[in-house]
Protein backbone atom coordinates (compact mmCIF):
# COMPACT_ATOMS: atom_id res chain seq x y z
CA UNK A 1 8.62 -6.34 6.14
CA UNK A 2 11.72 -4.72 6.54
CA UNK A 3 11.24 -2.23 3.44
CA UNK A 4 7.91 -1.18 5.19
CA UNK A 5 9.37 -0.66 8.57
CA UNK A 6 12.43 1.36 6.80
CA UNK A 7 10.45 3.55 4.87
CA UNK A 8 7.96 4.40 7.86
CA UNK A 9 10.83 5.09 9.83
CA UNK A 10 9.16 2.22 12.14
CA UNK A 11 5.83 3.30 12.52
CA UNK A 12 4.63 0.47 10.36
CA UNK A 13 5.91 -2.85 11.34
CA UNK A 14 4.05 -5.95 9.50
CA UNK A 15 3.94 -9.20 10.69
CA UNK A 16 4.26 -11.95 8.30
CA UNK A 17 0.91 -12.97 8.33
CA UNK A 18 -0.38 -9.72 7.57
CA UNK A 19 1.86 -9.11 4.80
CA UNK A 20 1.33 -12.40 3.04
CA UNK A 21 -2.43 -12.43 3.44
CA UNK A 22 -2.38 -8.62 1.80
CA UNK A 23 -0.19 -10.14 -0.91
CA UNK A 24 -2.72 -13.07 -1.63
CA UNK A 25 -5.66 -10.83 -1.51
CA UNK A 26 -4.14 -8.58 -4.34
CA UNK A 27 -2.87 -11.70 -6.34
CA UNK A 28 -6.60 -12.62 -6.15
CA UNK A 29 -7.96 -9.38 -7.04
CA UNK A 30 -5.33 -9.50 -10.10
CA UNK A 31 -3.73 -5.94 -9.06
CA UNK A 32 -0.59 -7.70 -8.65
CA UNK A 33 0.85 -11.06 -10.49
CA UNK A 34 3.92 -13.00 -9.32
CA UNK A 35 7.16 -12.03 -11.16
CA UNK A 36 10.36 -14.40 -11.89
CA UNK A 37 11.06 -18.10 -11.07
CA UNK A 38 9.48 -20.27 -8.43
CA UNK A 39 12.89 -21.71 -6.94
CA UNK A 40 13.35 -22.29 -3.34
CA UNK A 41 14.00 -18.69 -2.86
CA UNK A 42 11.95 -17.25 0.07
CA UNK A 43 12.30 -14.01 -1.47
CA UNK A 44 9.01 -13.25 -3.92
CA UNK A 45 8.47 -10.62 -6.32
CA UNK A 46 5.44 -8.92 -7.84
CA UNK A 47 4.73 -6.87 -10.60
CA UNK A 48 1.56 -4.37 -10.48
CA UNK A 49 -1.03 -4.88 -12.96
CA UNK A 50 -2.87 -2.25 -15.02
CA UNK A 51 -6.12 -2.64 -12.82
CA UNK A 52 -3.51 -2.42 -9.80
CA UNK A 53 -2.18 0.78 -11.17
CA UNK A 54 -5.85 2.14 -11.44
CA UNK A 55 -6.83 1.26 -8.09
CA UNK A 56 -3.38 2.72 -6.49
CA UNK A 57 -4.33 6.03 -8.18
CA UNK A 58 -8.16 5.81 -6.87
CA UNK A 59 -6.46 5.22 -3.37
CA UNK A 60 -4.13 8.30 -3.92
CA UNK A 61 -7.22 10.35 -4.94
CA UNK A 62 -9.39 9.17 -1.78
CA UNK A 63 -6.31 9.91 0.33
CA UNK A 64 -5.53 13.41 -1.00
CA UNK A 65 -9.09 14.26 -0.49
CA UNK A 66 -9.10 13.34 3.22
CA UNK A 67 -5.83 15.41 3.44
CA UNK A 68 -7.37 18.34 1.97
CA UNK A 69 -10.44 17.91 4.37
CA UNK A 70 -8.32 17.75 7.22
CA UNK A 71 -6.31 20.90 6.11
CA UNK A 72 -9.36 23.00 5.42
CA UNK A 73 -10.74 21.70 8.92
CA UNK A 74 -7.42 22.49 10.71
CA UNK A 75 -7.25 26.05 9.34
CA UNK A 76 -10.78 26.84 10.35
CA UNK A 77 -10.22 25.81 13.65
CA UNK A 78 -7.51 27.91 14.02
CA UNK A 79 -9.08 31.03 12.71
CA UNK A 80 -11.81 30.60 15.26
């Protein structure tokens, strides 16, 4: 939660329920897997799987397409 808040300069603040719900979904889809020992540590770590990397790449491509569309639209609006 702290990492996301720091990396987004406070624009995104995740609650514990949101974060753990998302992690559980990613584990269920086998996009990530738990890493390390399951001791009493509150810190949980995960590794991205090959399918997770593939899905992340697909999402990056989708976001790039949206960015290009938005950029084109903004340029057209400015030229009118």
